[in-house]
Amino acid sequence: MVMSIPVSADTAEGTIRQIDLEALTMTLSDGRTYKLPGEINLDGLSVGMAVIVAYEEAGGENRITDMVFLDD
């Protein structure tokens, strides 16, 4: 029997310091790198933006599950 156990996401808040379009990752001001979801529209994402990300650790990566843009 296979059971599905919900996994709670961690959150991080900071300013986007770097975006790697090839690797689909971004680094926040805390120095941690987060994997962006493949379906994200990168047009509205830029260095210097303040964000809160919800993420799950999987396969050695912090994979973003949700992201909120903060007003300046």
PDB file of N, CA and C in Angstrom:
ATOM      1  N   MET A   1       0.848  -1.181   0.000  1.00  0.00           N
ATOM      2  CA  MET A   1       0.000   0.000   0.000  1.00  0.00           C
ATOM      3  C   MET A   1       0.896   1.248   0.000  1.00  0.00           C
ATOM      4  N   VAL A   2       0.611   2.191  -0.875  1.00  0.00           N
ATOM      5  CA  VAL A   2       1.360   3.439  -0.969  1.00  0.00           C
ATOM      6  C   VAL A   2       0.531   4.549  -0.357  1.00  0.00           C
ATOM      7  N   MET A   3       1.159   5.302   0.525  1.00  0.00           N
ATOM      8  CA  MET A   3       0.464   6.428   1.161  1.00  0.00           C
ATOM      9  C   MET A   3       1.132   7.717   0.750  1.00  0.00           C
ATOM     10  N   SER A   4       0.340   8.733   0.578  1.00  0.00           N
ATOM     11  CA  SER A   4       0.866  10.062   0.274  1.00  0.00           C
ATOM     12  C   SER A   4       0.878  10.876   1.558  1.00  0.00           C
ATOM     13  N   ILE A   5       2.056  11.345   1.927  1.00  0.00           N
ATOM     14  CA  ILE A   5       2.188  12.157   3.132  1.00  0.00           C
ATOM     15  C   ILE A   5       2.464  13.589   2.715  1.00  0.00           C
ATOM     16  N   PRO A   6       1.615  14.520   3.144  1.00  0.00           N
ATOM     17  CA  PRO A   6       1.850  15.914   2.766  1.00  0.00           C
ATOM     18  C   PRO A   6       3.180  16.424   3.316  1.00  0.00           C
ATOM     19  N   VAL A   7       3.881  17.177   2.507  1.00  0.00           N
ATOM     20  CA  VAL A   7       5.151  17.762   2.911  1.00  0.00           C
ATOM     21  C   VAL A   7       4.942  19.256   3.093  1.00  0.00           C
ATOM     22  N   SER A   8       5.335  19.764   4.251  1.00  0.00           N
ATOM     23  CA  SER A   8       5.170  21.202   4.464  1.00  0.00           C
ATOM     24  C   SER A   8       6.366  21.935   3.884  1.00  0.00           C
ATOM     25  N   ALA A   9       6.088  23.070   3.320  1.00  0.00           N
ATOM     26  CA  ALA A   9       7.136  23.867   2.684  1.00  0.00           C
ATOM     27  C   ALA A   9       7.738  24.836   3.691  1.00  0.00           C
ATOM     28  N   ASP A  10       9.019  25.096   3.527  1.00  0.00           N
ATOM     29  CA  ASP A  10       9.692  26.139   4.289  1.00  0.00           C
ATOM     30  C   ASP A  10       9.544  27.434   3.504  1.00  0.00           C
ATOM     31  N   THR A  11       9.825  28.560   4.151  1.00  0.00           N
ATOM     32  CA  THR A  11       9.760  29.843   3.456  1.00  0.00           C
ATOM     33  C   THR A  11      11.046  30.629   3.674  1.00  0.00           C
ATOM     34  N   ALA A  12      11.311  31.513   2.741  1.00  0.00           N
ATOM     35  CA  ALA A  12      12.454  32.419   2.837  1.00  0.00           C
ATOM     36  C   ALA A  12      12.030  33.761   2.252  1.00  0.00           C
ATOM     37  N   GLU A  13      12.544  34.826   2.843  1.00  0.00           N
ATOM     38  CA  GLU A  13      12.254  36.175   2.356  1.00  0.00           C
ATOM     39  C   GLU A  13      13.575  36.875   2.070  1.00  0.00           C
ATOM     40  N   GLY A  14      13.611  37.600   0.967  1.00  0.00           N
ATOM     41  CA  GLY A  14      14.822  38.330   0.648  1.00  0.00           C
ATOM     42  C   GLY A  14      14.719  39.035  -0.684  1.00  0.00           C
ATOM     43  N   THR A  15      15.840  39.574  -1.102  1.00  0.00           N
ATOM     44  CA  THR A  15      15.949  40.274  -2.381  1.00  0.00           C
ATOM     45  C   THR A  15      16.682  39.360  -3.354  1.00  0.00           C
ATOM     46  N   ILE A  16      16.200  39.326  -4.601  1.00  0.00           N
ATOM     47  CA  ILE A  16      16.850  38.501  -5.614  1.00  0.00           C
ATOM     48  C   ILE A  16      18.207  39.117  -5.932  1.00  0.00           C
ATOM     49  N   ARG A  17      19.263  38.336  -5.718  1.00  0.00           N
ATOM     50  CA  ARG A  17      20.621  38.797  -5.964  1.00  0.00           C
ATOM     51  C   ARG A  17      21.139  38.342  -7.325  1.00  0.00           C
ATOM     52  N   GLN A  18      20.686  37.159  -7.776  1.00  0.00           N
ATOM     53  CA  GLN A  18      21.164  36.621  -9.056  1.00  0.00           C
ATOM     54  C   GLN A  18      20.105  35.681  -9.624  1.00  0.00           C
ATOM     55  N   ILE A  19      19.984  35.681 -10.957  1.00  0.00           N
ATOM     56  CA  ILE A  19      19.097  34.756 -11.667  1.00  0.00           C
ATOM     57  C   ILE A  19      19.936  34.039 -12.716  1.00  0.00           C
ATOM     58  N   ASP A  20      19.895  32.712 -12.700  1.00  0.00           N
ATOM     59  CA  ASP A  20      20.601  31.900 -13.690  1.00  0.00           C
ATOM     60  C   ASP A  20      19.549  31.283 -14.600  1.00  0.00           C
ATOM     61  N   LEU A  21      19.387  31.859 -15.796  1.00  0.00           N
ATOM     62  CA  LEU A  21      18.351  31.410 -16.721  1.00  0.00           C
ATOM     63  C   LEU A  21      18.618  30.009 -17.255  1.00  0.00           C
ATOM     64  N   GLU A  22      19.878  29.651 -17.407  1.00  0.00           N
ATOM     65  CA  GLU A  22      20.217  28.328 -17.927  1.00  0.00           C
ATOM     66  C   GLU A  22      19.893  27.233 -16.909  1.00  0.00           C
ATOM     67  N   ALA A  23      20.238  27.462 -15.656  1.00  0.00           N
ATOM     68  CA  ALA A  23      20.000  26.472 -14.606  1.00  0.00           C
ATOM     69  C   ALA A  23      18.608  26.609 -13.977  1.00  0.00           C
ATOM     70  N   LEU A  24      17.876  27.672 -14.332  1.00  0.00           N
ATOM     71  CA  LEU A  24      16.576  27.994 -13.737  1.00  0.00           C
ATOM     72  C   LEU A  24      16.673  28.082 -12.215  1.00  0.00           C
ATOM     73  N   THR A  25      17.640  28.871 -11.748  1.00  0.00           N
ATOM     74  CA  THR A  25      17.798  29.097 -10.322  1.00  0.00           C
ATOM     75  C   THR A  25      17.885  30.583 -10.041  1.00  0.00           C
ATOM     76  N   MET A  26      17.625  30.934  -8.791  1.00  0.00           N
ATOM     77  CA  MET A  26      17.851  32.306  -8.352  1.00  0.00           C
ATOM     78  C   MET A  26      18.461  32.253  -6.969  1.00  0.00           C
ATOM     79  N   THR A  27      19.293  33.248  -6.693  1.00  0.00           N
ATOM     80  CA  THR A  27      19.949  33.360  -5.403  1.00  0.00           C
ATOM     81  C   THR A  27      19.388  34.593  -4.708  1.00  0.00           C
ATOM     82  N   LEU A  28      19.027  34.423  -3.451  1.00  0.00           N
ATOM     83  CA  LEU A  28      18.491  35.542  -2.677  1.00  0.00           C
ATOM     84  C   LEU A  28      19.603  36.183  -1.855  1.00  0.00           C
ATOM     85  N   SER A  29      19.268  37.279  -1.215  1.00  0.00           N
ATOM     86  CA  SER A  29      20.228  38.034  -0.423  1.00  0.00           C
ATOM     87  C   SER A  29      20.775  37.234   0.751  1.00  0.00           C
ATOM     88  N   ASP A  30      20.115  36.124   1.119  1.00  0.00           N
ATOM     89  CA  ASP A  30      20.618  35.269   2.187  1.00  0.00           C
ATOM     90  C   ASP A  30      21.729  34.340   1.691  1.00  0.00           C
ATOM     91  N   GLY A  31      22.023  34.393   0.376  1.00  0.00           N
ATOM     92  CA  GLY A  31      23.072  33.567  -0.206  1.00  0.00           C
ATOM     93  C   GLY A  31      22.628  32.186  -0.629  1.00  0.00           C
ATOM     94  N   ARG A  32      21.393  31.821  -0.334  1.00  0.00           N
ATOM     95  CA  ARG A  32      20.883  30.505  -0.704  1.00  0.00           C
ATOM     96  C   ARG A  32      20.316  30.538  -2.115  1.00  0.00           C
ATOM     97  N   THR A  33      20.474  29.420  -2.810  1.00  0.00           N
ATOM     98  CA  THR A  33      19.995  29.296  -4.181  1.00  0.00           C
ATOM     99  C   THR A  33      18.735  28.433  -4.199  1.00  0.00           C
ATOM    100  N   TYR A  34      17.772  28.848  -5.016  1.00  0.00           N
ATOM    101  CA  TYR A  34      16.481  28.179  -5.109  1.00  0.00           C
ATOM    102  C   TYR A  34      16.193  27.825  -6.561  1.00  0.00           C
ATOM    103  N   LYS A  35      15.685  26.627  -6.795  1.00  0.00           N
ATOM    104  CA  LYS A  35      15.341  26.147  -8.136  1.00  0.00           C
ATOM    105  C   LYS A  35      13.959  26.680  -8.502  1.00  0.00           C
ATOM    106  N   LEU A  36      13.897  27.355  -9.652  1.00  0.00           N
ATOM    107  CA  LEU A  36      12.627  27.892 -10.143  1.00  0.00           C
ATOM    108  C   LEU A  36      11.832  26.789 -10.827  1.00  0.00           C
ATOM    109  N   PRO A  37      10.505  26.838 -10.733  1.00  0.00           N
ATOM    110  CA  PRO A  37       9.700  25.853 -11.463  1.00  0.00           C
ATOM    111  C   PRO A  37       9.816  26.079 -12.968  1.00  0.00           C
ATOM    112  N   GLY A  38       9.786  25.016 -13.746  1.00  0.00           N
ATOM    113  CA  GLY A  38       9.959  25.095 -15.190  1.00  0.00           C
ATOM    114  C   GLY A  38       8.914  25.926 -15.896  1.00  0.00           C
ATOM    115  N   GLU A  39       7.726  26.031 -15.319  1.00  0.00           N
ATOM    116  CA  GLU A  39       6.637  26.746 -15.987  1.00  0.00           C
ATOM    117  C   GLU A  39       6.578  28.230 -15.626  1.00  0.00           C
ATOM    118  N   ILE A  40       7.541  28.732 -14.888  1.00  0.00           N
ATOM    119  CA  ILE A  40       7.514  30.131 -14.458  1.00  0.00           C
ATOM    120  C   ILE A  40       7.771  31.074 -15.641  1.00  0.00           C
ATOM    121  N   ASN A  41       7.061  32.186 -15.638  1.00  0.00           N
ATOM    122  CA  ASN A  41       7.279  33.237 -16.631  1.00  0.00           C
ATOM    123  C   ASN A  41       8.361  34.157 -16.074  1.00  0.00           C
ATOM    124  N   LEU A  42       9.532  34.112 -16.667  1.00  0.00           N
ATOM    125  CA  LEU A  42      10.671  34.871 -16.162  1.00  0.00           C
ATOM    126  C   LEU A  42      10.653  36.339 -16.563  1.00  0.00           C
ATOM    127  N   ASP A  43       9.697  36.738 -17.390  1.00  0.00           N
ATOM    128  CA  ASP A  43       9.634  38.127 -17.849  1.00  0.00           C
ATOM    129  C   ASP A  43       9.473  39.121 -16.703  1.00  0.00           C
ATOM    130  N   GLY A  44       8.738  38.762 -15.661  1.00  0.00           N
ATOM    131  CA  GLY A  44       8.488  39.683 -14.555  1.00  0.00           C
ATOM    132  C   GLY A  44       9.469  39.552 -13.415  1.00  0.00           C
ATOM    133  N   LEU A  45      10.476  38.706 -13.563  1.00  0.00           N
ATOM    134  CA  LEU A  45      11.430  38.430 -12.504  1.00  0.00           C
ATOM    135  C   LEU A  45      12.741  39.169 -12.775  1.00  0.00           C
ATOM    136  N   SER A  46      13.240  39.907 -11.783  1.00  0.00           N
ATOM    137  CA  SER A  46      14.494  40.632 -12.019  1.00  0.00           C
ATOM    138  C   SER A  46      15.286  40.776 -10.721  1.00  0.00           C
ATOM    139  N   VAL A  47      16.582  40.954 -10.888  1.00  0.00           N
ATOM    140  CA  VAL A  47      17.485  41.185  -9.761  1.00  0.00           C
ATOM    141  C   VAL A  47      17.024  42.442  -9.030  1.00  0.00           C
ATOM    142  N   GLY A  48      17.067  42.387  -7.706  1.00  0.00           N
ATOM    143  CA  GLY A  48      16.666  43.533  -6.892  1.00  0.00           C
ATOM    144  C   GLY A  48      15.241  43.450  -6.367  1.00  0.00           C
ATOM    145  N   MET A  49      14.445  42.527  -6.900  1.00  0.00           N
ATOM    146  CA  MET A  49      13.063  42.376  -6.438  1.00  0.00           C
ATOM    147  C   MET A  49      13.034  41.707  -5.067  1.00  0.00           C
ATOM    148  N   ALA A  50      12.142  42.175  -4.202  1.00  0.00           N
ATOM    149  CA  ALA A  50      11.938  41.553  -2.898  1.00  0.00           C
ATOM    150  C   ALA A  50      10.857  40.484  -3.041  1.00  0.00           C
ATOM    151  N   VAL A  51      11.135  39.295  -2.499  1.00  0.00           N
ATOM    152  CA  VAL A  51      10.220  38.170  -2.646  1.00  0.00           C
ATOM    153  C   VAL A  51      10.146  37.358  -1.356  1.00  0.00           C
ATOM    154  N   ILE A  52       9.073  36.615  -1.258  1.00  0.00           N
ATOM    155  CA  ILE A  52       8.956  35.530  -0.284  1.00  0.00           C
ATOM    156  C   ILE A  52       8.758  34.274  -1.106  1.00  0.00           C
ATOM    157  N   VAL A  53       9.568  33.247  -0.838  1.00  0.00           N
ATOM    158  CA  VAL A  53       9.421  31.983  -1.551  1.00  0.00           C
ATOM    159  C   VAL A  53       9.058  30.877  -0.569  1.00  0.00           C
ATOM    160  N   ALA A  54       8.174  30.008  -1.012  1.00  0.00           N
ATOM    161  CA  ALA A  54       7.909  28.755  -0.313  1.00  0.00           C
ATOM    162  C   ALA A  54       8.672  27.703  -1.099  1.00  0.00           C
ATOM    163  N   TYR A  55       9.367  26.829  -0.399  1.00  0.00           N
ATOM    164  CA  TYR A  55      10.190  25.843  -1.093  1.00  0.00           C
ATOM    165  C   TYR A  55      10.233  24.531  -0.318  1.00  0.00           C
ATOM    166  N   GLU A  56      10.571  23.487  -1.043  1.00  0.00           N
ATOM    167  CA  GLU A  56      10.776  22.173  -0.458  1.00  0.00           C
ATOM    168  C   GLU A  56      12.167  21.702  -0.824  1.00  0.00           C
ATOM    169  N   GLU A  57      12.837  21.071   0.101  1.00  0.00           N
ATOM    170  CA  GLU A  57      14.141  20.495  -0.197  1.00  0.00           C
ATOM    171  C   GLU A  57      13.921  19.131  -0.838  1.00  0.00           C
ATOM    172  N   ALA A  58      14.475  18.938  -2.027  1.00  0.00           N
ATOM    173  CA  ALA A  58      14.334  17.672  -2.745  1.00  0.00           C
ATOM    174  C   ALA A  58      15.563  17.455  -3.607  1.00  0.00           C
ATOM    175  N   GLY A  59      16.166  16.295  -3.499  1.00  0.00           N
ATOM    176  CA  GLY A  59      17.314  15.984  -4.329  1.00  0.00           C
ATOM    177  C   GLY A  59      18.470  16.942  -4.159  1.00  0.00           C
ATOM    178  N   GLY A  60      18.642  17.484  -2.961  1.00  0.00           N
ATOM    179  CA  GLY A  60      19.725  18.415  -2.713  1.00  0.00           C
ATOM    180  C   GLY A  60      19.473  19.832  -3.202  1.00  0.00           C
ATOM    181  N   GLU A  61      18.247  20.106  -3.657  1.00  0.00           N
ATOM    182  CA  GLU A  61      17.890  21.443  -4.148  1.00  0.00           C
ATOM    183  C   GLU A  61      16.752  22.019  -3.322  1.00  0.00           C
ATOM    184  N   ASN A  62      16.712  23.347  -3.244  1.00  0.00           N
ATOM    185  CA  ASN A  62      15.580  24.054  -2.648  1.00  0.00           C
ATOM    186  C   ASN A  62      14.651  24.410  -3.804  1.00  0.00           C
ATOM    187  N   ARG A  63      13.584  23.641  -3.984  1.00  0.00           N
ATOM    188  CA  ARG A  63      12.677  23.826  -5.123  1.00  0.00           C
ATOM    189  C   ARG A  63      11.503  24.715  -4.736  1.00  0.00           C
ATOM    190  N   ILE A  64      11.370  25.822  -5.443  1.00  0.00           N
ATOM    191  CA  ILE A  64      10.305  26.783  -5.154  1.00  0.00           C
ATOM    192  C   ILE A  64       8.946  26.183  -5.525  1.00  0.00           C
ATOM    193  N   THR A  65       8.016  26.269  -4.569  1.00  0.00           N
ATOM    194  CA  THR A  65       6.654  25.808  -4.811  1.00  0.00           C
ATOM    195  C   THR A  65       5.686  26.976  -4.959  1.00  0.00           C
ATOM    196  N   ASP A  66       6.072  28.148  -4.435  1.00  0.00           N
ATOM    197  CA  ASP A  66       5.231  29.346  -4.543  1.00  0.00           C
ATOM    198  C   ASP A  66       6.120  30.561  -4.307  1.00  0.00           C
ATOM    199  N   MET A  67       5.730  31.682  -4.893  1.00  0.00           N
ATOM    200  CA  MET A  67       6.517  32.901  -4.739  1.00  0.00           C
ATOM    201  C   MET A  67       5.588  34.105  -4.715  1.00  0.00           C
ATOM    202  N   VAL A  68       5.871  35.039  -3.800  1.00  0.00           N
ATOM    203  CA  VAL A  68       5.107  36.274  -3.680  1.00  0.00           C
ATOM    204  C   VAL A  68       6.080  37.431  -3.855  1.00  0.00           C
ATOM    205  N   PHE A  69       5.726  38.382  -4.711  1.00  0.00           N
ATOM    206  CA  PHE A  69       6.529  39.588  -4.916  1.00  0.00           C
ATOM    207  C   PHE A  69       6.079  40.640  -3.917  1.00  0.00           C
ATOM    208  N   LEU A  70       7.034  41.261  -3.237  1.00  0.00           N
ATOM    209  CA  LEU A  70       6.723  42.282  -2.244  1.00  0.00           C
ATOM    210  C   LEU A  70       6.852  43.652  -2.862  1.00  0.00           C
ATOM    211  N   ASP A  71       6.003  44.579  -2.395  1.00  0.00           N
ATOM    212  CA  ASP A  71       6.098  45.968  -2.850  1.00  0.00           C
ATOM    213  C   ASP A  71       7.317  46.613  -2.221  1.00  0.00           C
ATOM    214  N   ASP A  72       7.894  47.549  -2.946  1.00  0.00           N
ATOM    215  CA  ASP A  72       9.077  48.262  -2.414  1.00  0.00           C
ATOM    216  C   ASP A  72       8.718  49.142  -1.265  1.00  0.00           C
TER     217      ASP A  72
END
